[in-house]
Amino acid sequence: MKIAIGSDHGGYAIKEIIKTHLIEAGHEVDDKGCFSLDSVDYPEYGLKVAKAVASKEADRGVVLCTTGIGISITANKVKGIRAALCSDVVSARLTREHNDANVLALAGGMIGPIPAVEIVDTFMNTAFSNMEKHARRIAEIKEIEEEN
């Protein structure tokens, strides 16, 4: 699977751990930045990852900032993106099964490396359930997106 990943300085350290883990797990990783602990603005990196996923340049995305909130809001501004901020494996599994989320957002300043990797693995290894009620709800989200 090809995965686009990006963060601001607040998510940089965890991003680097996740990136290494994903590569070791056999994924192709496209690092959209940032590339240091120097202060940067998260919208630039959330947008780069979201555009890569929306254009099918990447299969899924992972975005991180200190809280995960701002970068997930940014990613969700891109048509076709369903970014979910997850802090545990249950939410990561359910957002894939129920929402077919294509971008995972994490709080780089609030989550440690071991839980972060477990959440990422769950997100990457869980398929959409294809249950009718979930597909119907995703279609409703897409309609809203088209209207606005």
Protein backbone atom coordinates (compact mmCIF):
# COMPACT_ATOMS: atom_id res chain seq x y z
CA MET A 1 0.00 0.00 0.00
CA LYS A 2 1.22 3.52 -0.76
CA ILE A 3 0.84 5.87 2.18
CA ALA A 4 1.29 9.64 2.22
CA ILE A 5 2.39 10.97 5.59
CA GLY A 6 2.83 14.50 6.87
CA SER A 7 3.10 16.52 10.02
CA ASP A 8 4.00 19.84 11.50
CA HIS A 9 6.78 20.18 14.07
CA GLY A 10 4.44 18.96 16.84
CA GLY A 11 3.98 15.63 15.12
CA TYR A 12 7.43 15.30 13.58
CA ALA A 13 8.99 12.89 16.11
CA ILE A 14 6.07 10.43 16.01
CA LYS A 15 5.81 10.80 12.21
CA GLU A 16 9.40 9.63 11.85
CA ILE A 17 8.71 6.55 14.01
CA ILE A 18 5.54 5.75 12.07
CA LYS A 19 7.30 6.25 8.73
CA THR A 20 10.06 3.81 9.66
CA HIS A 21 7.52 1.28 10.92
CA LEU A 22 5.43 1.50 7.75
CA ILE A 23 8.47 1.04 5.52
CA GLU A 24 9.59 -1.97 7.58
CA ALA A 25 6.06 -3.39 7.22
CA GLY A 26 6.44 -3.25 3.44
CA HIS A 27 4.47 -0.11 2.62
CA GLU A 28 5.64 2.55 0.20
CA VAL A 29 5.74 5.83 2.13
CA ASP A 30 5.63 9.30 0.61
CA ASP A 31 6.76 11.79 3.25
CA LYS A 32 5.18 15.17 2.52
CA GLY A 33 7.03 16.90 5.38
CA CYS A 34 7.81 18.59 7.58
CA PHE A 35 11.43 17.51 7.91
CA SER A 36 12.58 18.94 11.24
CA LEU A 37 11.46 20.23 14.61
CA ASP A 38 11.50 23.81 13.32
CA SER A 39 8.13 25.52 13.77
CA VAL A 40 5.88 25.28 10.70
CA ASP A 41 2.16 25.64 9.98
CA TYR A 42 0.20 22.38 9.82
CA PRO A 43 -2.21 23.31 6.98
CA GLU A 44 0.55 22.99 4.37
CA TYR A 45 1.27 19.37 5.31
CA GLY A 46 -2.32 18.30 5.91
CA LEU A 47 -3.19 19.64 2.46
CA LYS A 48 -0.30 17.85 0.75
CA VAL A 49 -1.30 14.49 2.25
CA ALA A 50 -5.01 14.99 1.57
CA LYS A 51 -4.39 15.94 -2.06
CA ALA A 52 -2.19 12.86 -2.54
CA VAL A 53 -4.95 10.59 -1.23
CA ALA A 54 -7.77 12.38 -3.09
CA SER A 55 -5.87 12.15 -6.39
CA LYS A 56 -5.12 8.44 -5.80
CA GLU A 57 -1.38 9.19 -5.72
CA ALA A 58 -1.57 7.45 -2.32
CA ASP A 59 -3.95 4.78 -1.04
CA ARG A 60 -4.19 6.25 2.46
CA GLY A 61 -2.75 9.07 4.49
CA VAL A 62 -1.48 9.78 7.99
CA VAL A 63 -1.33 13.32 9.35
CA LEU A 64 -0.03 14.57 12.69
CA CYS A 65 0.12 17.83 14.57
CA THR A 66 0.34 18.40 18.32
CA THR A 67 -3.36 17.67 18.93
CA GLY A 68 -4.26 16.15 15.57
CA ILE A 69 -7.25 18.48 15.44
CA GLY A 70 -6.04 21.27 13.19
CA ILE A 71 -4.42 18.98 10.65
CA SER A 72 -7.52 16.75 10.50
CA ILE A 73 -9.73 19.80 9.90
CA THR A 74 -7.37 20.83 7.09
CA ALA A 75 -7.36 17.38 5.48
CA ASN A 76 -11.16 17.22 5.59
CA LYS A 77 -11.39 20.39 3.48
CA VAL A 78 -10.21 18.38 0.46
CA LYS A 79 -12.98 16.78 -1.59
CA GLY A 80 -13.01 13.00 -1.18
CA ILE A 81 -11.17 12.94 2.13
CA ARG A 82 -12.57 11.36 5.25
CA ALA A 83 -9.93 12.08 7.87
CA ALA A 84 -10.48 10.70 11.35
CA LEU A 85 -8.65 11.72 14.51
CA CYS A 86 -8.03 8.52 16.45
CA SER A 87 -6.49 8.04 19.86
CA ASP A 88 -7.00 4.29 20.23
CA VAL A 89 -7.19 1.12 18.16
CA VAL A 90 -10.97 0.78 18.58
CA SER A 91 -11.66 4.15 16.94
CA ALA A 92 -9.11 3.36 14.21
CA ARG A 93 -10.83 0.05 13.46
CA LEU A 94 -14.34 1.49 13.54
CA THR A 95 -13.55 4.49 11.36
CA ARG A 96 -12.25 2.15 8.68
CA GLU A 97 -15.14 -0.35 9.04
CA HIS A 98 -17.92 2.25 9.30
CA ASN A 99 -16.64 5.41 7.58
CA ASP A 100 -14.09 4.03 5.11
CA ALA A 101 -11.80 6.79 6.40
CA ASN A 102 -8.84 7.32 4.10
CA VAL A 103 -6.71 9.61 6.28
CA LEU A 104 -5.71 8.92 9.87
CA ALA A 105 -4.98 11.90 12.10
CA LEU A 106 -2.93 11.52 15.26
CA ALA A 107 -2.01 13.81 18.14
CA GLY A 108 1.78 13.86 18.02
CA GLY A 109 2.03 15.70 21.31
CA MET A 110 -0.33 13.42 23.22
CA ILE A 111 0.35 9.89 22.08
CA GLY A 112 3.41 7.76 22.53
CA PRO A 113 5.19 5.78 19.85
CA ILE A 114 3.85 2.33 20.80
CA PRO A 115 0.15 3.30 20.77
CA ALA A 116 0.72 5.39 17.63
CA VAL A 117 2.13 2.40 15.75
CA GLU A 118 -0.69 0.14 16.99
CA ILE A 119 -3.30 2.67 15.84
CA VAL A 120 -1.61 3.03 12.44
CA ASP A 121 -1.43 -0.75 11.99
CA THR A 122 -5.10 -1.11 12.87
CA PHE A 123 -6.06 1.66 10.45
CA MET A 124 -3.99 0.21 7.62
CA ASN A 125 -5.09 -3.40 8.17
CA THR A 126 -8.82 -2.86 8.59
CA ALA A 127 -11.11 -3.00 5.58
CA PHE A 128 -14.34 -1.12 5.04
CA SER A 129 -17.24 -3.36 6.12
CA ASN A 130 -19.32 -2.68 2.98
CA MET A 131 -22.44 -2.92 5.12
CA GLU A 132 -25.34 -1.20 3.37
CA LYS A 133 -26.01 1.26 6.21
CA HIS A 134 -22.39 2.42 6.23
CA ALA A 135 -22.19 2.70 2.44
CA ARG A 136 -25.44 4.69 2.48
CA ARG A 137 -24.05 7.11 5.07
CA ILE A 138 -20.82 7.62 3.14
CA ALA A 139 -22.91 8.35 0.03
CA GLU A 140 -24.81 10.96 2.06
CA ILE A 141 -21.51 12.56 3.08
CA LYS A 142 -20.44 12.65 -0.57
CA GLU A 143 -23.73 14.35 -1.50
CA ILE A 144 -23.10 17.04 1.10
CA GLU A 145 -19.60 17.49 -0.28
CA GLU A 146 -20.97 17.91 -3.83
CA GLU A 147 -23.58 20.44 -2.73
CA ASN A 148 -21.13 22.65 -0.85
